[in-house]
Amino acid sequence: MITVAELIAELQRLDPAMIAIVQKDGEGNGYSPLAGVDVGFYAAKNTWSGDVSEDEIPDSTPCIILFPVN
């Protein structure tokens, strides 16, 4: 689990213009502690979902990804 202090430290090293993406759980519901933070490129499929890649993909934007323990 990541604490608020650890999350702040991670965020401070990143470009503040990046969008934030939340990875959803397998069931699409429930709550889980934050497991980690990663960076990548986000390509929206629509207004509520899209794809993330470690490599830049067409029509993507740099992003920070917040992912759950479960």
Protein backbone atom coordinates (compact mmCIF):
# COMPACT_ATOMS: atom_id res chain seq x y z
CA MET A 1 0.00 0.00 0.00
CA ILE A 2 1.12 3.53 -0.76
CA THR A 3 0.78 6.29 1.80
CA VAL A 4 -0.21 9.86 0.98
CA ALA A 5 3.39 10.97 1.64
CA GLU A 6 4.71 8.38 -0.83
CA LEU A 7 2.11 9.40 -3.41
CA ILE A 8 3.01 13.08 -3.03
CA ALA A 9 6.71 12.25 -3.51
CA GLU A 10 5.91 10.32 -6.70
CA LEU A 11 3.68 13.10 -8.05
CA GLN A 12 6.26 15.82 -7.38
CA ARG A 13 8.76 14.19 -9.74
CA LEU A 14 6.28 14.17 -12.66
CA ASP A 15 5.09 16.75 -15.15
CA PRO A 16 2.02 18.41 -13.56
CA ALA A 17 0.36 18.62 -16.99
CA MET A 18 0.08 14.80 -17.25
CA ILE A 19 -3.39 13.33 -17.03
CA ALA A 20 -4.15 10.86 -14.23
CA ILE A 21 -5.51 7.44 -15.16
CA VAL A 22 -7.00 5.03 -12.64
CA GLN A 23 -6.73 1.33 -13.41
CA LYS A 24 -10.03 -0.38 -12.60
CA ASP A 25 -10.30 -3.74 -10.88
CA GLY A 26 -11.21 -6.93 -12.70
CA GLU A 27 -14.82 -6.82 -11.51
CA GLY A 28 -15.22 -3.11 -12.19
CA ASN A 29 -16.36 -2.40 -8.66
CA GLY A 30 -15.26 -2.27 -5.04
CA TYR A 31 -12.38 -0.48 -3.40
CA SER A 32 -8.72 -1.34 -2.99
CA PRO A 33 -5.67 0.40 -1.52
CA LEU A 34 -3.31 2.07 -3.95
CA ALA A 35 -0.53 -0.37 -4.87
CA GLY A 36 1.60 1.87 -7.01
CA VAL A 37 2.14 4.55 -9.58
CA ASP A 38 3.49 4.18 -13.10
CA VAL A 39 3.80 6.38 -16.17
CA GLY A 40 2.81 5.63 -19.73
CA PHE A 41 0.77 6.86 -22.66
CA TYR A 42 -3.03 6.92 -22.70
CA ALA A 43 -5.14 6.64 -25.85
CA ALA A 44 -8.85 7.22 -25.23
CA LYS A 45 -11.33 4.89 -26.92
CA ASN A 46 -14.25 7.03 -25.71
CA THR A 47 -14.97 9.49 -22.90
CA TRP A 48 -14.79 6.83 -20.15
CA SER A 49 -12.09 4.32 -21.17
CA GLY A 50 -9.03 3.71 -23.27
CA ASP A 51 -5.70 1.91 -23.54
CA VAL A 52 -2.38 2.50 -21.81
CA SER A 53 1.03 1.59 -23.18
CA GLU A 54 4.60 1.96 -21.98
CA ASP A 55 5.46 3.16 -25.49
CA GLU A 56 3.93 6.13 -27.24
CA ILE A 57 1.03 5.07 -29.43
CA PRO A 58 -0.92 7.10 -32.02
CA ASP A 59 -3.24 9.73 -30.54
CA SER A 60 -1.90 9.13 -27.02
CA THR A 61 -0.92 11.51 -24.28
CA PRO A 62 1.58 11.06 -21.43
CA CYS A 63 -0.12 9.95 -18.24
CA ILE A 64 0.36 8.77 -14.70
CA ILE A 65 -1.35 5.47 -13.87
CA LEU A 66 -2.62 4.71 -10.37
CA PHE A 67 -3.13 0.99 -9.85
CA PRO A 68 -4.87 -0.93 -7.05
CA VAL A 69 -3.62 -3.80 -4.89
CA ASN A 70 -6.53 -5.91 -6.16
